[in-house]
PDB file of all heavy atoms in Angstrom:
ATOM      1  N   LEU A   1       8.779   4.345   2.018  1.00  0.00           N
ATOM      2  CA  LEU A   1      10.077   4.368   1.276  1.00  0.00           C
ATOM      3  C   LEU A   1      11.159   5.174   2.013  1.00  0.00           C
ATOM      4  O   LEU A   1      12.299   5.036   1.818  1.00  0.00           O
ATOM      5  CB  LEU A   1       9.870   5.033  -0.127  1.00  0.00           C
ATOM      6  CG  LEU A   1       9.085   4.195  -1.025  1.00  0.00           C
ATOM      7  CD1 LEU A   1       8.649   5.064  -2.306  1.00  0.00           C
ATOM      8  CD2 LEU A   1       9.947   2.991  -1.585  1.00  0.00           C
ATOM      9  N   SER A   2      10.677   6.138   2.986  1.00  0.00           N
ATOM     10  CA  SER A   2      11.630   7.001   3.557  1.00  0.00           C
ATOM     11  C   SER A   2      12.160   6.506   4.941  1.00  0.00           C
ATOM     12  O   SER A   2      13.205   6.989   5.365  1.00  0.00           O
ATOM     13  CB  SER A   2      10.922   8.409   3.838  1.00  0.00           C
ATOM     14  OG  SER A   2      10.360   8.875   2.681  1.00  0.00           O
ATOM     15  N   VAL A   3      11.537   5.575   5.561  1.00  0.00           N
ATOM     16  CA  VAL A   3      11.976   5.137   6.864  1.00  0.00           C
ATOM     17  C   VAL A   3      12.930   3.890   6.743  1.00  0.00           C
ATOM     18  O   VAL A   3      12.808   3.165   5.737  1.00  0.00           O
ATOM     19  CB  VAL A   3      10.792   4.849   7.749  1.00  0.00           C
ATOM     20  CG1 VAL A   3      10.010   6.085   8.119  1.00  0.00           C
ATOM     21  CG2 VAL A   3       9.869   3.779   7.104  1.00  0.00           C
ATOM     22  N   PRO A   4      13.694   3.676   7.725  1.00  0.00           N
ATOM     23  CA  PRO A   4      14.701   2.597   7.622  1.00  0.00           C
ATOM     24  C   PRO A   4      14.087   1.183   7.900  1.00  0.00           C
ATOM     25  O   PRO A   4      12.985   1.146   8.625  1.00  0.00           O
ATOM     26  CB  PRO A   4      15.735   2.928   8.782  1.00  0.00           C
ATOM     27  CG  PRO A   4      14.969   3.696   9.772  1.00  0.00           C
ATOM     28  CD  PRO A   4      13.965   4.527   8.990  1.00  0.00           C
ATOM     29  N   GLU A   5      14.649   0.142   7.364  1.00  0.00           N
ATOM     30  CA  GLU A   5      14.225  -1.180   7.602  1.00  0.00           C
ATOM     31  C   GLU A   5      12.752  -1.427   7.327  1.00  0.00           C
ATOM     32  O   GLU A   5      12.082  -2.321   8.042  1.00  0.00           O
ATOM     33  CB  GLU A   5      14.490  -1.675   9.019  1.00  0.00           C
ATOM     34  CG  GLU A   5      16.009  -1.659   9.341  1.00  0.00           C
ATOM     35  CD  GLU A   5      16.182  -2.196  10.787  1.00  0.00           C
ATOM     36  OE1 GLU A   5      15.694  -3.342  10.924  1.00  0.00           O
ATOM     37  OE2 GLU A   5      17.002  -1.610  11.571  1.00  0.00           O
ATOM     38  N   HIS A   6      12.193  -0.840   6.318  1.00  0.00           N
ATOM     39  CA  HIS A   6      10.743  -1.036   5.936  1.00  0.00           C
ATOM     40  C   HIS A   6      10.692  -1.946   4.711  1.00  0.00           C
ATOM     41  O   HIS A   6      11.561  -1.882   3.835  1.00  0.00           O
ATOM     42  CB  HIS A   6      10.112   0.331   5.651  1.00  0.00           C
ATOM     43  CG  HIS A   6       8.584   0.227   5.754  1.00  0.00           C
ATOM     44  ND1 HIS A   6       7.820  -0.394   4.815  1.00  0.00           N
ATOM     45  CD2 HIS A   6       7.696   0.591   6.733  1.00  0.00           C
ATOM     46  CE1 HIS A   6       6.478  -0.307   5.149  1.00  0.00           C
ATOM     47  NE2 HIS A   6       6.523   0.294   6.341  1.00  0.00           N
ATOM     48  N   ASP A   7       9.680  -2.758   4.698  1.00  0.00           N
ATOM     49  CA  ASP A   7       9.509  -3.578   3.520  1.00  0.00           C
ATOM     50  C   ASP A   7       9.287  -2.751   2.277  1.00  0.00           C
ATOM     51  O   ASP A   7       8.664  -1.669   2.345  1.00  0.00           O
ATOM     52  CB  ASP A   7       8.239  -4.456   3.762  1.00  0.00           C
ATOM     53  CG  ASP A   7       8.479  -5.555   4.807  1.00  0.00           C
ATOM     54  OD1 ASP A   7       9.648  -5.933   5.079  1.00  0.00           O
ATOM     55  OD2 ASP A   7       7.495  -5.996   5.428  1.00  0.00           O
ATOM     56  N   PRO A   8       9.643  -3.180   1.135  1.00  0.00           N
ATOM     57  CA  PRO A   8       9.482  -2.409  -0.165  1.00  0.00           C
ATOM     58  C   PRO A   8       7.983  -2.290  -0.485  1.00  0.00           C
ATOM     59  O   PRO A   8       7.172  -3.178  -0.213  1.00  0.00           O
ATOM     60  CB  PRO A   8      10.249  -3.187  -1.191  1.00  0.00           C
ATOM     61  CG  PRO A   8      10.915  -4.289  -0.555  1.00  0.00           C
ATOM     62  CD  PRO A   8      10.437  -4.392   0.876  1.00  0.00           C
ATOM     63  N   VAL A   9       7.655  -1.209  -1.150  1.00  0.00           N
ATOM     64  CA  VAL A   9       6.328  -1.067  -1.728  1.00  0.00           C
ATOM     65  C   VAL A   9       6.095  -1.964  -2.790  1.00  0.00           C
ATOM     66  O   VAL A   9       6.969  -2.088  -3.735  1.00  0.00           O
ATOM     67  CB  VAL A   9       6.104   0.431  -2.211  1.00  0.00           C
ATOM     68  CG1 VAL A   9       4.747   0.531  -2.809  1.00  0.00           C
ATOM     69  CG2 VAL A   9       6.310   1.396  -1.105  1.00  0.00           C
ATOM     70  N   HIS A  10       5.024  -2.781  -2.758  1.00  0.00           N
ATOM     71  CA  HIS A  10       4.721  -3.774  -3.827  1.00  0.00           C
ATOM     72  C   HIS A  10       3.670  -3.210  -4.780  1.00  0.00           C
ATOM     73  O   HIS A  10       3.831  -3.282  -6.066  1.00  0.00           O
ATOM     74  CB  HIS A  10       4.225  -5.020  -3.241  1.00  0.00           C
ATOM     75  CG  HIS A  10       3.820  -6.116  -4.193  1.00  0.00           C
ATOM     76  ND1 HIS A  10       4.710  -6.609  -5.093  1.00  0.00           N
ATOM     77  CD2 HIS A  10       2.584  -6.568  -4.518  1.00  0.00           C
ATOM     78  CE1 HIS A  10       4.066  -7.487  -5.895  1.00  0.00           C
ATOM     79  NE2 HIS A  10       2.734  -7.500  -5.561  1.00  0.00           N
ATOM     80  N   LYS A  11       2.648  -2.603  -4.218  1.00  0.00           N
ATOM     81  CA  LYS A  11       1.562  -2.189  -5.074  1.00  0.00           C
ATOM     82  C   LYS A  11       0.738  -1.074  -4.316  1.00  0.00           C
ATOM     83  O   LYS A  11       0.572  -1.150  -3.110  1.00  0.00           O
ATOM     84  CB  LYS A  11       0.696  -3.284  -5.411  1.00  0.00           C
ATOM     85  CG  LYS A  11      -0.451  -3.070  -6.462  1.00  0.00           C
ATOM     86  CD  LYS A  11      -1.067  -4.320  -6.858  1.00  0.00           C
ATOM     87  CE  LYS A  11      -0.200  -5.121  -7.785  1.00  0.00           C
ATOM     88  NZ  LYS A  11      -0.792  -6.231  -8.406  1.00  0.00           N
ATOM     89  N   VAL A  12       0.214  -0.028  -5.055  1.00  0.00           N
ATOM     90  CA  VAL A  12      -0.632   0.945  -4.526  1.00  0.00           C
ATOM     91  C   VAL A  12      -1.791   1.064  -5.492  1.00  0.00           C
ATOM     92  O   VAL A  12      -1.649   1.133  -6.699  1.00  0.00           O
ATOM     93  CB  VAL A  12       0.119   2.317  -4.450  1.00  0.00           C
ATOM     94  CG1 VAL A  12      -0.889   3.392  -3.917  1.00  0.00           C
ATOM     95  CG2 VAL A  12       1.323   2.267  -3.616  1.00  0.00           C
ATOM     96  N   THR A  13      -2.970   0.961  -4.900  1.00  0.00           N
ATOM     97  CA  THR A  13      -4.218   1.107  -5.729  1.00  0.00           C
ATOM     98  C   THR A  13      -5.213   1.972  -5.003  1.00  0.00           C
ATOM     99  O   THR A  13      -5.320   2.039  -3.842  1.00  0.00           O
ATOM    100  CB  THR A  13      -4.805  -0.258  -5.999  1.00  0.00           C
ATOM    101  OG1 THR A  13      -5.980  -0.107  -6.805  1.00  0.00           O
ATOM    102  CG2 THR A  13      -5.152  -1.049  -4.705  1.00  0.00           C
ATOM    103  N   ILE A  14      -5.990   2.680  -5.845  1.00  0.00           N
ATOM    104  CA  ILE A  14      -7.101   3.446  -5.232  1.00  0.00           C
ATOM    105  C   ILE A  14      -8.420   2.820  -5.796  1.00  0.00           C
ATOM    106  O   ILE A  14      -9.496   3.386  -5.598  1.00  0.00           O
ATOM    107  CB  ILE A  14      -7.083   4.933  -5.579  1.00  0.00           C
ATOM    108  CG1 ILE A  14      -7.168   5.289  -7.082  1.00  0.00           C
ATOM    109  CG2 ILE A  14      -5.879   5.571  -4.914  1.00  0.00           C
ATOM    110  CD1 ILE A  14      -7.460   6.698  -7.419  1.00  0.00           C
ATOM    111  N   ILE A  15      -8.378   1.610  -6.340  1.00  0.00           N
ATOM    112  CA  ILE A  15      -9.581   0.856  -6.628  1.00  0.00           C
ATOM    113  C   ILE A  15     -10.078   0.220  -5.350  1.00  0.00           C
ATOM    114  O   ILE A  15      -9.283  -0.436  -4.669  1.00  0.00           O
ATOM    115  CB  ILE A  15      -9.263  -0.211  -7.690  1.00  0.00           C
ATOM    116  CG1 ILE A  15      -8.843   0.412  -9.047  1.00  0.00           C
ATOM    117  CG2 ILE A  15     -10.528  -1.120  -7.881  1.00  0.00           C
ATOM    118  CD1 ILE A  15      -8.317  -0.626 -10.024  1.00  0.00           C
ATOM    119  N   PRO A  16     -11.318   0.489  -4.888  1.00  0.00           N
ATOM    120  CA  PRO A  16     -11.712  -0.082  -3.664  1.00  0.00           C
ATOM    121  C   PRO A  16     -11.679  -1.538  -3.674  1.00  0.00           C
ATOM    122  O   PRO A  16     -11.994  -2.226  -4.656  1.00  0.00           O
ATOM    123  CB  PRO A  16     -13.251   0.434  -3.600  1.00  0.00           C
ATOM    124  CG  PRO A  16     -13.287   1.607  -4.483  1.00  0.00           C
ATOM    125  CD  PRO A  16     -12.312   1.364  -5.602  1.00  0.00           C
ATOM    126  N   ARG A  17     -11.095  -2.134  -2.536  1.00  0.00           N
ATOM    127  CA  ARG A  17     -10.947  -3.547  -2.279  1.00  0.00           C
ATOM    128  C   ARG A  17     -11.462  -3.917  -0.991  1.00  0.00           C
ATOM    129  O   ARG A  17     -11.015  -3.292  -0.043  1.00  0.00           O
ATOM    130  CB  ARG A  17      -9.511  -3.958  -2.525  1.00  0.00           C
ATOM    131  CG  ARG A  17      -9.001  -3.857  -3.888  1.00  0.00           C
ATOM    132  CD  ARG A  17      -7.546  -4.348  -3.926  1.00  0.00           C
ATOM    133  NE  ARG A  17      -7.140  -4.636  -5.299  1.00  0.00           N
ATOM    134  CZ  ARG A  17      -7.362  -5.850  -5.912  1.00  0.00           C
ATOM    135  NH1 ARG A  17      -8.009  -6.784  -5.293  1.00  0.00           N
ATOM    136  NH2 ARG A  17      -6.956  -5.987  -7.201  1.00  0.00           N
ATOM    137  N   GLY A  18     -12.263  -4.943  -0.905  1.00  0.00           N
ATOM    138  CA  GLY A  18     -12.695  -5.375   0.425  1.00  0.00           C
ATOM    139  C   GLY A  18     -13.522  -4.124   1.030  1.00  0.00           C
ATOM    140  O   GLY A  18     -14.380  -3.544   0.295  1.00  0.00           O
ATOM    141  N   ARG A  19     -13.104  -3.775   2.244  1.00  0.00           N
ATOM    142  CA  ARG A  19     -13.818  -2.619   2.818  1.00  0.00           C
ATOM    143  C   ARG A  19     -13.006  -1.323   2.718  1.00  0.00           C
ATOM    144  O   ARG A  19     -13.360  -0.317   3.182  1.00  0.00           O
ATOM    145  CB  ARG A  19     -14.076  -2.927   4.331  1.00  0.00           C
ATOM    146  CG  ARG A  19     -15.118  -4.133   4.507  1.00  0.00           C
ATOM    147  CD  ARG A  19     -15.108  -4.607   5.889  1.00  0.00           C
ATOM    148  NE  ARG A  19     -15.453  -3.613   6.820  1.00  0.00           N
ATOM    149  CZ  ARG A  19     -15.213  -3.736   8.154  1.00  0.00           C
ATOM    150  NH1 ARG A  19     -14.745  -4.836   8.621  1.00  0.00           N
ATOM    151  NH2 ARG A  19     -15.517  -2.755   9.005  1.00  0.00           N
ATOM    152  N   ALA A  20     -11.829  -1.469   2.031  1.00  0.00           N
ATOM    153  CA  ALA A  20     -10.941  -0.199   1.951  1.00  0.00           C
ATOM    154  C   ALA A  20     -11.223   0.471   0.612  1.00  0.00           C
ATOM    155  O   ALA A  20     -11.523  -0.094  -0.404  1.00  0.00           O
ATOM    156  CB  ALA A  20      -9.513  -0.710   1.982  1.00  0.00           C
ATOM    157  N   LEU A  21     -11.035   1.800   0.653  1.00  0.00           N
ATOM    158  CA  LEU A  21     -11.124   2.631  -0.513  1.00  0.00           C
ATOM    159  C   LEU A  21      -9.944   2.544  -1.385  1.00  0.00           C
ATOM    160  O   LEU A  21     -10.001   2.806  -2.554  1.00  0.00           O
ATOM    161  CB  LEU A  21     -11.481   4.051  -0.117  1.00  0.00           C
ATOM    162  CG  LEU A  21     -12.837   4.291   0.544  1.00  0.00           C
ATOM    163  CD1 LEU A  21     -12.937   5.775   0.897  1.00  0.00           C
ATOM    164  CD2 LEU A  21     -13.975   3.847  -0.318  1.00  0.00           C
ATOM    165  N   GLY A  22      -8.788   2.294  -0.778  1.00  0.00           N
ATOM    166  CA  GLY A  22      -7.529   2.064  -1.496  1.00  0.00           C
ATOM    167  C   GLY A  22      -6.649   1.288  -0.667  1.00  0.00           C
ATOM    168  O   GLY A  22      -6.848   1.020   0.535  1.00  0.00           O
ATOM    169  N   VAL A  23      -5.550   0.790  -1.226  1.00  0.00           N
ATOM    170  CA  VAL A  23      -4.580  -0.137  -0.448  1.00  0.00           C
ATOM    171  C   VAL A  23      -3.189   0.193  -0.959  1.00  0.00           C
ATOM    172  O   VAL A  23      -2.898   0.334  -2.077  1.00  0.00           O
ATOM    173  CB  VAL A  23      -4.900  -1.615  -0.792  1.00  0.00           C
ATOM    174  CG1 VAL A  23      -3.920  -2.548  -0.085  1.00  0.00           C
ATOM    175  CG2 VAL A  23      -6.328  -1.986  -0.362  1.00  0.00           C
ATOM    176  N   THR A  24      -2.325   0.216   0.089  1.00  0.00           N
ATOM    177  CA  THR A  24      -0.837   0.197  -0.194  1.00  0.00           C
ATOM    178  C   THR A  24      -0.327  -0.999   0.341  1.00  0.00           C
ATOM    179  O   THR A  24      -0.459  -1.292   1.571  1.00  0.00           O
ATOM    180  CB  THR A  24      -0.164   1.428   0.484  1.00  0.00           C
ATOM    181  OG1 THR A  24      -0.782   2.703  -0.018  1.00  0.00           O
ATOM    182  CG2 THR A  24       1.313   1.474   0.094  1.00  0.00           C
ATOM    183  N   MET A  25       0.332  -1.845  -0.604  1.00  0.00           N
ATOM    184  CA  MET A  25       0.762  -3.156  -0.067  1.00  0.00           C
ATOM    185  C   MET A  25       2.322  -3.126  -0.078  1.00  0.00           C
ATOM    186  O   MET A  25       2.960  -2.848  -1.085  1.00  0.00           O
ATOM    187  CB  MET A  25       0.261  -4.167  -1.063  1.00  0.00           C
ATOM    188  CG  MET A  25       0.424  -5.621  -0.564  1.00  0.00           C
ATOM    189  SD  MET A  25      -0.638  -6.679  -1.477  1.00  0.00           S
ATOM    190  CE  MET A  25       0.578  -7.596  -2.403  1.00  0.00           C
TER     191      MET A  25
END
């Protein structure tokens, strides 16, 4: 959110998905 020209945050989760413990999309 703080850096220029970055895609907007769509979703943040700490529910483990796939091999990740959390995901920021």
